[in-house]
Amino acid sequence: MTLSYKARKRWSLVILLVGLPVYIVAAVTVVSSLDRPPVLVELLVYVVLGFLWILPFRFVFLGVGRPDPDADPDDR
């Protein structure tokens, strides 16, 4: 199932405005449950978690910054 351009744009906004803050809270909770590891380990965990959140959603963000391919050339 492929999403239309408008659907991908809407879902990307939902993911960024709702999903990302929830994921940040979850990441901070995970790191705080490790009983304050050394600074470099904590940084590494945040970097890894920062890249992991995008992997399931990369198809949603593909091409969202480009003009709508289905729009009329006059509307662009």
Protein backbone atom coordinates (compact mmCIF):
# COMPACT_ATOMS: atom_id res chain seq x y z
CA MET A 1 0.00 0.00 0.00
CA THR A 2 1.51 3.29 -1.06
CA LEU A 3 0.53 6.58 0.46
CA SER A 4 -0.35 9.60 -1.61
CA TYR A 5 1.79 12.70 -1.38
CA LYS A 6 -0.77 14.52 0.79
CA ALA A 7 -1.12 11.53 3.12
CA ARG A 8 2.65 11.24 3.52
CA LYS A 9 2.86 14.96 4.26
CA ARG A 10 0.13 14.73 6.90
CA TRP A 11 1.60 11.61 8.50
CA SER A 12 5.05 13.18 8.61
CA LEU A 13 3.61 16.13 10.54
CA VAL A 14 1.84 13.81 12.98
CA ILE A 15 5.01 11.79 13.48
CA LEU A 16 7.13 14.89 14.07
CA LEU A 17 4.67 16.75 16.29
CA VAL A 18 3.30 13.84 18.34
CA GLY A 19 5.48 10.78 17.86
CA LEU A 20 8.89 12.39 18.22
CA PRO A 21 8.20 14.03 21.62
CA VAL A 22 6.79 10.73 22.90
CA TYR A 23 9.89 8.94 21.63
CA ILE A 24 12.17 11.52 23.30
CA VAL A 25 10.44 10.96 26.63
CA ALA A 26 10.82 7.19 26.18
CA ALA A 27 14.52 7.56 25.32
CA VAL A 28 15.18 9.72 28.37
CA THR A 29 13.31 7.19 30.52
CA VAL A 30 15.44 4.34 29.14
CA VAL A 31 18.68 6.22 29.78
CA SER A 32 17.62 7.28 33.26
CA SER A 33 16.78 3.67 34.11
CA LEU A 34 20.44 2.79 33.47
CA ASP A 35 21.42 4.56 36.71
CA ARG A 36 23.32 7.42 35.05
CA PRO A 37 25.96 5.72 32.89
CA PRO A 38 29.22 7.50 31.97
CA VAL A 39 28.77 10.54 29.74
CA LEU A 40 30.17 8.89 26.60
CA VAL A 41 27.93 5.84 27.01
CA GLU A 42 24.94 8.09 27.55
CA LEU A 43 25.82 10.09 24.44
CA LEU A 44 26.19 6.89 22.42
CA VAL A 45 22.78 5.64 23.59
CA TYR A 46 21.15 8.94 22.62
CA VAL A 47 22.81 8.92 19.18
CA VAL A 48 21.75 5.32 18.51
CA LEU A 49 18.20 5.97 19.68
CA GLY A 50 18.16 9.16 17.60
CA PHE A 51 18.79 7.16 14.44
CA LEU A 52 16.55 4.22 15.35
CA TRP A 53 13.34 6.26 15.56
CA ILE A 54 13.45 7.20 11.89
CA LEU A 55 13.98 3.71 10.43
CA PRO A 56 10.34 2.57 10.53
CA PHE A 57 9.13 5.90 9.13
CA ARG A 58 11.62 6.60 6.33
CA PHE A 59 9.05 5.73 3.63
CA VAL A 60 6.74 8.40 5.03
CA PHE A 61 9.39 11.14 4.85
CA LEU A 62 10.68 10.26 1.37
CA GLY A 63 9.95 13.10 -1.03
CA VAL A 64 7.89 15.20 1.37
CA GLY A 65 10.09 18.25 0.85
CA ARG A 66 9.70 18.13 -2.91
CA PRO A 67 6.77 19.61 -4.87
CA ASP A 68 3.70 17.44 -5.28
CA PRO A 69 4.35 15.19 -8.29
CA ASP A 70 0.62 14.79 -8.96
CA ALA A 71 -0.16 18.54 -8.97
CA ASP A 72 -0.76 20.48 -12.14
CA PRO A 73 2.28 22.43 -13.35
CA ASP A 74 0.24 25.66 -13.01
CA ASP A 75 -0.37 25.02 -9.27
CA ARG A 76 3.31 24.69 -8.39
